Amino acid sequence: MSWLERKWWFMSITSFLGFIATLLLFKTAEYSLPFYSGSSLSQYAVFFATFFCLQRALSLGIWLVVLVFNPKIAMR
């Protein structure tokens, strides 16, 4: 984990964007959200696995953009 990824504001931004992306992905796939229906454990597992993967991908992508435009911040 880089210095930038340890900052609380960076994690909150990527988590928020990951949550929104997960909701949009589930809505596009017409997959029922586990919060609104009588859901099983597998629906929660799929939701949180999708969220975690999207959050980590966004974290990497944003870190790479920062690395390209301002390497001093990303490499602390």
PDB file of N, CA and C in Angstrom:
ATOM      1  N   MET A   1       0.838  -1.162   0.000  1.00  0.00           N
ATOM      2  CA  MET A   1       0.000   0.000   0.000  1.00  0.00           C
ATOM      3  C   MET A   1       0.898   1.245   0.000  1.00  0.00           C
ATOM      4  N   SER A   2       0.604   2.172  -0.858  1.00  0.00           N
ATOM      5  CA  SER A   2       1.405   3.384  -0.950  1.00  0.00           C
ATOM      6  C   SER A   2       0.989   4.382   0.124  1.00  0.00           C
ATOM      7  N   TRP A   3       1.805   5.438   0.253  1.00  0.00           N
ATOM      8  CA  TRP A   3       1.508   6.495   1.208  1.00  0.00           C
ATOM      9  C   TRP A   3       0.155   7.126   0.921  1.00  0.00           C
ATOM     10  N   LEU A   4      -0.135   7.340  -0.348  1.00  0.00           N
ATOM     11  CA  LEU A   4      -1.386   7.973  -0.729  1.00  0.00           C
ATOM     12  C   LEU A   4      -2.593   7.102  -0.393  1.00  0.00           C
ATOM     13  N   GLU A   5      -2.463   5.801  -0.561  1.00  0.00           N
ATOM     14  CA  GLU A   5      -3.580   4.898  -0.276  1.00  0.00           C
ATOM     15  C   GLU A   5      -3.867   4.780   1.212  1.00  0.00           C
ATOM     16  N   ARG A   6      -2.952   5.178   2.063  1.00  0.00           N
ATOM     17  CA  ARG A   6      -3.174   5.117   3.510  1.00  0.00           C
ATOM     18  C   ARG A   6      -3.935   6.325   4.046  1.00  0.00           C
ATOM     19  N   LYS A   7      -4.087   7.351   3.245  1.00  0.00           N
ATOM     20  CA  LYS A   7      -4.795   8.545   3.686  1.00  0.00           C
ATOM     21  C   LYS A   7      -6.292   8.263   3.763  1.00  0.00           C
ATOM     22  N   TRP A   8      -6.949   8.783   4.817  1.00  0.00           N
ATOM     23  CA  TRP A   8      -8.362   8.504   5.024  1.00  0.00           C
ATOM     24  C   TRP A   8      -9.212   9.110   3.918  1.00  0.00           C
ATOM     25  N   TRP A   9      -8.851  10.276   3.422  1.00  0.00           N
ATOM     26  CA  TRP A   9      -9.653  10.926   2.390  1.00  0.00           C
ATOM     27  C   TRP A   9      -9.545  10.194   1.063  1.00  0.00           C
ATOM     28  N   PHE A  10      -8.382   9.602   0.785  1.00  0.00           N
ATOM     29  CA  PHE A  10      -8.235   8.828  -0.451  1.00  0.00           C
ATOM     30  C   PHE A  10      -9.093   7.566  -0.394  1.00  0.00           C
ATOM     31  N   MET A  11      -9.055   6.891   0.751  1.00  0.00           N
ATOM     32  CA  MET A  11      -9.872   5.685   0.912  1.00  0.00           C
ATOM     33  C   MET A  11     -11.366   6.006   0.892  1.00  0.00           C
ATOM     34  N   SER A  12     -11.753   7.140   1.448  1.00  0.00           N
ATOM     35  CA  SER A  12     -13.177   7.487   1.439  1.00  0.00           C
ATOM     36  C   SER A  12     -13.648   7.811   0.025  1.00  0.00           C
ATOM     37  N   ILE A  13     -12.818   8.488  -0.763  1.00  0.00           N
ATOM     38  CA  ILE A  13     -13.187   8.793  -2.148  1.00  0.00           C
ATOM     39  C   ILE A  13     -13.318   7.513  -2.966  1.00  0.00           C
ATOM     40  N   THR A  14     -12.319   6.631  -2.868  1.00  0.00           N
ATOM     41  CA  THR A  14     -12.379   5.405  -3.662  1.00  0.00           C
ATOM     42  C   THR A  14     -13.492   4.476  -3.183  1.00  0.00           C
ATOM     43  N   SER A  15     -13.764   4.461  -1.888  1.00  0.00           N
ATOM     44  CA  SER A  15     -14.866   3.629  -1.381  1.00  0.00           C
ATOM     45  C   SER A  15     -16.213   4.151  -1.856  1.00  0.00           C
ATOM     46  N   PHE A  16     -16.393   5.458  -1.823  1.00  0.00           N
ATOM     47  CA  PHE A  16     -17.645   6.052  -2.298  1.00  0.00           C
ATOM     48  C   PHE A  16     -17.840   5.765  -3.787  1.00  0.00           C
ATOM     49  N   LEU A  17     -16.798   5.991  -4.580  1.00  0.00           N
ATOM     50  CA  LEU A  17     -16.911   5.719  -6.019  1.00  0.00           C
ATOM     51  C   LEU A  17     -17.119   4.230  -6.295  1.00  0.00           C
ATOM     52  N   GLY A  18     -16.477   3.374  -5.513  1.00  0.00           N
ATOM     53  CA  GLY A  18     -16.678   1.934  -5.664  1.00  0.00           C
ATOM     54  C   GLY A  18     -18.092   1.511  -5.327  1.00  0.00           C
ATOM     55  N   PHE A  19     -18.665   2.112  -4.291  1.00  0.00           N
ATOM     56  CA  PHE A  19     -20.047   1.795  -3.913  1.00  0.00           C
ATOM     57  C   PHE A  19     -21.024   2.231  -5.002  1.00  0.00           C
ATOM     58  N   ILE A  20     -20.833   3.447  -5.525  1.00  0.00           N
ATOM     59  CA  ILE A  20     -21.704   3.943  -6.600  1.00  0.00           C
ATOM     60  C   ILE A  20     -21.556   3.064  -7.846  1.00  0.00           C
ATOM     61  N   ALA A  21     -20.324   2.698  -8.182  1.00  0.00           N
ATOM     62  CA  ALA A  21     -20.105   1.838  -9.351  1.00  0.00           C
ATOM     63  C   ALA A  21     -20.732   0.460  -9.154  1.00  0.00           C
ATOM     64  N   THR A  22     -20.670  -0.066  -7.938  1.00  0.00           N
ATOM     65  CA  THR A  22     -21.290  -1.364  -7.652  1.00  0.00           C
ATOM     66  C   THR A  22     -22.804  -1.283  -7.800  1.00  0.00           C
ATOM     67  N   LEU A  23     -23.404  -0.221  -7.265  1.00  0.00           N
ATOM     68  CA  LEU A  23     -24.859  -0.053  -7.404  1.00  0.00           C
ATOM     69  C   LEU A  23     -25.261   0.069  -8.869  1.00  0.00           C
ATOM     70  N   LEU A  24     -24.512   0.857  -9.633  1.00  0.00           N
ATOM     71  CA  LEU A  24     -24.829   1.015 -11.056  1.00  0.00           C
ATOM     72  C   LEU A  24     -24.641  -0.289 -11.819  1.00  0.00           C
ATOM     73  N   LEU A  25     -23.610  -1.038 -11.486  1.00  0.00           N
ATOM     74  CA  LEU A  25     -23.371  -2.324 -12.139  1.00  0.00           C
ATOM     75  C   LEU A  25     -24.497  -3.312 -11.848  1.00  0.00           C
ATOM     76  N   PHE A  26     -24.939  -3.367 -10.599  1.00  0.00           N
ATOM     77  CA  PHE A  26     -26.033  -4.268 -10.237  1.00  0.00           C
ATOM     78  C   PHE A  26     -27.338  -3.836 -10.890  1.00  0.00           C
ATOM     79  N   LYS A  27     -27.562  -2.527 -10.973  1.00  0.00           N
ATOM     80  CA  LYS A  27     -28.778  -2.032 -11.608  1.00  0.00           C
ATOM     81  C   LYS A  27     -28.774  -2.340 -13.103  1.00  0.00           C
ATOM     82  N   THR A  28     -27.619  -2.166 -13.746  1.00  0.00           N
ATOM     83  CA  THR A  28     -27.502  -2.457 -15.172  1.00  0.00           C
ATOM     84  C   THR A  28     -27.711  -3.943 -15.458  1.00  0.00           C
ATOM     85  N   ALA A  29     -27.199  -4.781 -14.582  1.00  0.00           N
ATOM     86  CA  ALA A  29     -27.341  -6.226 -14.755  1.00  0.00           C
ATOM     87  C   ALA A  29     -28.709  -6.736 -14.307  1.00  0.00           C
ATOM     88  N   GLU A  30     -29.540  -5.837 -13.776  1.00  0.00           N
ATOM     89  CA  GLU A  30     -30.857  -6.183 -13.241  1.00  0.00           C
ATOM     90  C   GLU A  30     -30.759  -7.286 -12.180  1.00  0.00           C
ATOM     91  N   TYR A  31     -29.730  -7.153 -11.377  1.00  0.00           N
ATOM     92  CA  TYR A  31     -29.494  -8.072 -10.262  1.00  0.00           C
ATOM     93  C   TYR A  31     -30.054  -7.405  -9.014  1.00  0.00           C
ATOM     94  N   SER A  32     -30.844  -8.126  -8.258  1.00  0.00           N
ATOM     95  CA  SER A  32     -31.479  -7.508  -7.092  1.00  0.00           C
ATOM     96  C   SER A  32     -30.432  -7.196  -6.023  1.00  0.00           C
ATOM     97  N   LEU A  33     -30.559  -6.025  -5.456  1.00  0.00           N
ATOM     98  CA  LEU A  33     -29.640  -5.628  -4.397  1.00  0.00           C
ATOM     99  C   LEU A  33     -29.963  -6.390  -3.121  1.00  0.00           C
ATOM    100  N   PRO A  34     -28.961  -6.815  -2.390  1.00  0.00           N
ATOM    101  CA  PRO A  34     -29.233  -7.607  -1.187  1.00  0.00           C
ATOM    102  C   PRO A  34     -29.906  -6.810  -0.078  1.00  0.00           C
ATOM    103  N   PHE A  35     -29.873  -5.486  -0.140  1.00  0.00           N
ATOM    104  CA  PHE A  35     -30.458  -4.676   0.922  1.00  0.00           C
ATOM    105  C   PHE A  35     -31.970  -4.559   0.804  1.00  0.00           C
ATOM    106  N   TYR A  36     -32.507  -4.720  -0.406  1.00  0.00           N
ATOM    107  CA  TYR A  36     -33.920  -4.462  -0.638  1.00  0.00           C
ATOM    108  C   TYR A  36     -34.785  -5.717  -0.730  1.00  0.00           C
ATOM    109  N   SER A  37     -34.187  -6.831  -0.871  1.00  0.00           N
ATOM    110  CA  SER A  37     -34.983  -8.047  -1.034  1.00  0.00           C
ATOM    111  C   SER A  37     -34.616  -9.049   0.055  1.00  0.00           C
ATOM    112  N   GLY A  38     -35.465 -10.028   0.204  1.00  0.00           N
ATOM    113  CA  GLY A  38     -35.123 -11.105   1.109  1.00  0.00           C
ATOM    114  C   GLY A  38     -33.977 -11.885   0.479  1.00  0.00           C
ATOM    115  N   SER A  39     -32.786 -11.618   0.935  1.00  0.00           N
ATOM    116  CA  SER A  39     -31.626 -12.133   0.214  1.00  0.00           C
ATOM    117  C   SER A  39     -30.886 -13.183   1.022  1.00  0.00           C
ATOM    118  N   SER A  40     -30.122 -13.941   0.290  1.00  0.00           N
ATOM    119  CA  SER A  40     -29.340 -14.991   0.910  1.00  0.00           C
ATOM    120  C   SER A  40     -27.908 -14.505   1.116  1.00  0.00           C
ATOM    121  N   LEU A  41     -27.146 -15.317   1.749  1.00  0.00           N
ATOM    122  CA  LEU A  41     -25.751 -14.987   2.028  1.00  0.00           C
ATOM    123  C   LEU A  41     -24.941 -14.848   0.739  1.00  0.00           C
ATOM    124  N   SER A  42     -25.296 -15.610  -0.275  1.00  0.00           N
ATOM    125  CA  SER A  42     -24.550 -15.541  -1.532  1.00  0.00           C
ATOM    126  C   SER A  42     -24.719 -14.195  -2.232  1.00  0.00           C
ATOM    127  N   GLN A  43     -25.903 -13.572  -2.123  1.00  0.00           N
ATOM    128  CA  GLN A  43     -26.095 -12.251  -2.713  1.00  0.00           C
ATOM    129  C   GLN A  43     -25.227 -11.205  -2.021  1.00  0.00           C
ATOM    130  N   TYR A  44     -25.115 -11.299  -0.698  1.00  0.00           N
ATOM    131  CA  TYR A  44     -24.225 -10.389   0.016  1.00  0.00           C
ATOM    132  C   TYR A  44     -22.768 -10.647  -0.371  1.00  0.00           C
ATOM    133  N   ALA A  45     -22.399 -11.896  -0.532  1.00  0.00           N
ATOM    134  CA  ALA A  45     -21.024 -12.220  -0.909  1.00  0.00           C
ATOM    135  C   ALA A  45     -20.673 -11.657  -2.285  1.00  0.00           C
ATOM    136  N   VAL A  46     -21.583 -11.784  -3.236  1.00  0.00           N
ATOM    137  CA  VAL A  46     -21.354 -11.233  -4.572  1.00  0.00           C
ATOM    138  C   VAL A  46     -21.270  -9.716  -4.513  1.00  0.00           C
ATOM    139  N   PHE A  47     -22.149  -9.087  -3.751  1.00  0.00           N
ATOM    140  CA  PHE A  47     -22.145  -7.632  -3.643  1.00  0.00           C
ATOM    141  C   PHE A  47     -20.826  -7.132  -3.054  1.00  0.00           C
ATOM    142  N   PHE A  48     -20.396  -7.703  -1.941  1.00  0.00           N
ATOM    143  CA  PHE A  48     -19.186  -7.216  -1.292  1.00  0.00           C
ATOM    144  C   PHE A  48     -17.919  -7.585  -2.065  1.00  0.00           C
ATOM    145  N   ALA A  49     -17.912  -8.714  -2.751  1.00  0.00           N
ATOM    146  CA  ALA A  49     -16.762  -9.047  -3.605  1.00  0.00           C
ATOM    147  C   ALA A  49     -16.664  -8.072  -4.777  1.00  0.00           C
ATOM    148  N   THR A  50     -17.806  -7.736  -5.369  1.00  0.00           N
ATOM    149  CA  THR A  50     -17.818  -6.761  -6.459  1.00  0.00           C
ATOM    150  C   THR A  50     -17.365  -5.396  -5.963  1.00  0.00           C
ATOM    151  N   PHE A  51     -17.883  -4.982  -4.812  1.00  0.00           N
ATOM    152  CA  PHE A  51     -17.484  -3.703  -4.244  1.00  0.00           C
ATOM    153  C   PHE A  51     -15.989  -3.662  -3.962  1.00  0.00           C
ATOM    154  N   PHE A  52     -15.460  -4.708  -3.348  1.00  0.00           N
ATOM    155  CA  PHE A  52     -14.046  -4.729  -2.997  1.00  0.00           C
ATOM    156  C   PHE A  52     -13.168  -4.670  -4.245  1.00  0.00           C
ATOM    157  N   CYS A  53     -13.521  -5.438  -5.266  1.00  0.00           N
ATOM    158  CA  CYS A  53     -12.726  -5.436  -6.500  1.00  0.00           C
ATOM    159  C   CYS A  53     -12.795  -4.087  -7.209  1.00  0.00           C
ATOM    160  N   LEU A  54     -13.964  -3.482  -7.280  1.00  0.00           N
ATOM    161  CA  LEU A  54     -14.084  -2.171  -7.917  1.00  0.00           C
ATOM    162  C   LEU A  54     -13.357  -1.095  -7.114  1.00  0.00           C
ATOM    163  N   GLN A  55     -13.427  -1.170  -5.800  1.00  0.00           N
ATOM    164  CA  GLN A  55     -12.737  -0.186  -4.970  1.00  0.00           C
ATOM    165  C   GLN A  55     -11.230  -0.287  -5.143  1.00  0.00           C
ATOM    166  N   ARG A  56     -10.698  -1.486  -5.199  1.00  0.00           N
ATOM    167  CA  ARG A  56      -9.248  -1.660  -5.386  1.00  0.00           C
ATOM    168  C   ARG A  56      -8.829  -1.230  -6.789  1.00  0.00           C
ATOM    169  N   ALA A  57      -9.649  -1.507  -7.789  1.00  0.00           N
ATOM    170  CA  ALA A  57      -9.327  -1.086  -9.157  1.00  0.00           C
ATOM    171  C   ALA A  57      -9.339   0.442  -9.271  1.00  0.00           C
ATOM    172  N   LEU A  58     -10.319   1.092  -8.645  1.00  0.00           N
ATOM    173  CA  LEU A  58     -10.352   2.553  -8.646  1.00  0.00           C
ATOM    174  C   LEU A  58      -9.168   3.135  -7.883  1.00  0.00           C
ATOM    175  N   SER A  59      -8.794   2.510  -6.795  1.00  0.00           N
ATOM    176  CA  SER A  59      -7.649   2.970  -6.032  1.00  0.00           C
ATOM    177  C   SER A  59      -6.374   2.905  -6.867  1.00  0.00           C
ATOM    178  N   LEU A  60      -6.188   1.817  -7.568  1.00  0.00           N
ATOM    179  CA  LEU A  60      -5.022   1.681  -8.442  1.00  0.00           C
ATOM    180  C   LEU A  60      -5.063   2.700  -9.572  1.00  0.00           C
ATOM    181  N   GLY A  61      -6.210   2.868 -10.190  1.00  0.00           N
ATOM    182  CA  GLY A  61      -6.331   3.808 -11.302  1.00  0.00           C
ATOM    183  C   GLY A  61      -6.063   5.243 -10.889  1.00  0.00           C
ATOM    184  N   ILE A  62      -6.621   5.651  -9.762  1.00  0.00           N
ATOM    185  CA  ILE A  62      -6.401   7.014  -9.289  1.00  0.00           C
ATOM    186  C   ILE A  62      -4.949   7.202  -8.877  1.00  0.00           C
ATOM    187  N   TRP A  63      -4.352   6.198  -8.240  1.00  0.00           N
ATOM    188  CA  TRP A  63      -2.945   6.281  -7.864  1.00  0.00           C
ATOM    189  C   TRP A  63      -2.057   6.407  -9.097  1.00  0.00           C
ATOM    190  N   LEU A  64      -2.370   5.680 -10.154  1.00  0.00           N
ATOM    191  CA  LEU A  64      -1.584   5.787 -11.386  1.00  0.00           C
ATOM    192  C   LEU A  64      -1.729   7.162 -12.033  1.00  0.00           C
ATOM    193  N   VAL A  65      -2.921   7.734 -11.996  1.00  0.00           N
ATOM    194  CA  VAL A  65      -3.115   9.083 -12.539  1.00  0.00           C
ATOM    195  C   VAL A  65      -2.298  10.096 -11.733  1.00  0.00           C
ATOM    196  N   VAL A  66      -2.328   9.977 -10.410  1.00  0.00           N
ATOM    197  CA  VAL A  66      -1.529  10.876  -9.573  1.00  0.00           C
ATOM    198  C   VAL A  66      -0.045  10.666  -9.840  1.00  0.00           C
ATOM    199  N   LEU A  67       0.371   9.432 -10.028  1.00  0.00           N
ATOM    200  CA  LEU A  67       1.770   9.128 -10.313  1.00  0.00           C
ATOM    201  C   LEU A  67       2.230   9.771 -11.615  1.00  0.00           C
ATOM    202  N   VAL A  68       1.386   9.795 -12.618  1.00  0.00           N
ATOM    203  CA  VAL A  68       1.742  10.401 -13.901  1.00  0.00           C
ATOM    204  C   VAL A  68       1.828  11.914 -13.783  1.00  0.00           C
ATOM    205  N   PHE A  69       0.872  12.541 -13.116  1.00  0.00           N
ATOM    206  CA  PHE A  69       0.814  13.997 -13.079  1.00  0.00           C
ATOM    207  C   PHE A  69       1.635  14.628 -11.958  1.00  0.00           C
ATOM    208  N   ASN A  70       1.806  13.934 -10.848  1.00  0.00           N
ATOM    209  CA  ASN A  70       2.583  14.481  -9.737  1.00  0.00           C
ATOM    210  C   ASN A  70       3.289  13.337  -9.003  1.00  0.00           C
ATOM    211  N   PRO A  71       4.427  12.887  -9.512  1.00  0.00           N
ATOM    212  CA  PRO A  71       5.085  11.726  -8.926  1.00  0.00           C
ATOM    213  C   PRO A  71       5.571  11.923  -7.487  1.00  0.00           C
ATOM    214  N   LYS A  72       5.824  13.154  -7.081  1.00  0.00           N
ATOM    215  CA  LYS A  72       6.307  13.388  -5.714  1.00  0.00           C
ATOM    216  C   LYS A  72       5.263  12.988  -4.678  1.00  0.00           C
ATOM    217  N   ILE A  73       3.992  13.243  -4.959  1.00  0.00           N
ATOM    218  CA  ILE A  73       2.935  12.886  -4.014  1.00  0.00           C
ATOM    219  C   ILE A  73       2.764  11.374  -3.950  1.00  0.00           C
ATOM    220  N   ALA A  74       2.792  10.719  -5.089  1.00  0.00           N
ATOM    221  CA  ALA A  74       2.533   9.285  -5.121  1.00  0.00           C
ATOM    222  C   ALA A  74       3.685   8.460  -4.560  1.00  0.00           C
ATOM    223  N   MET A  75       4.894   8.985  -4.598  1.00  0.00           N
ATOM    224  CA  MET A  75       6.049   8.189  -4.185  1.00  0.00           C
ATOM    225  C   MET A  75       6.578   8.533  -2.797  1.00  0.00           C
ATOM    226  N   ARG A  76       5.863   9.262  -1.981  1.00  0.00           N
ATOM    227  CA  ARG A  76       6.317   9.574  -0.631  1.00  0.00           C
ATOM    228  C   ARG A  76       6.509   8.352   0.196  1.00  0.00           C
TER     229      ARG A  76
END
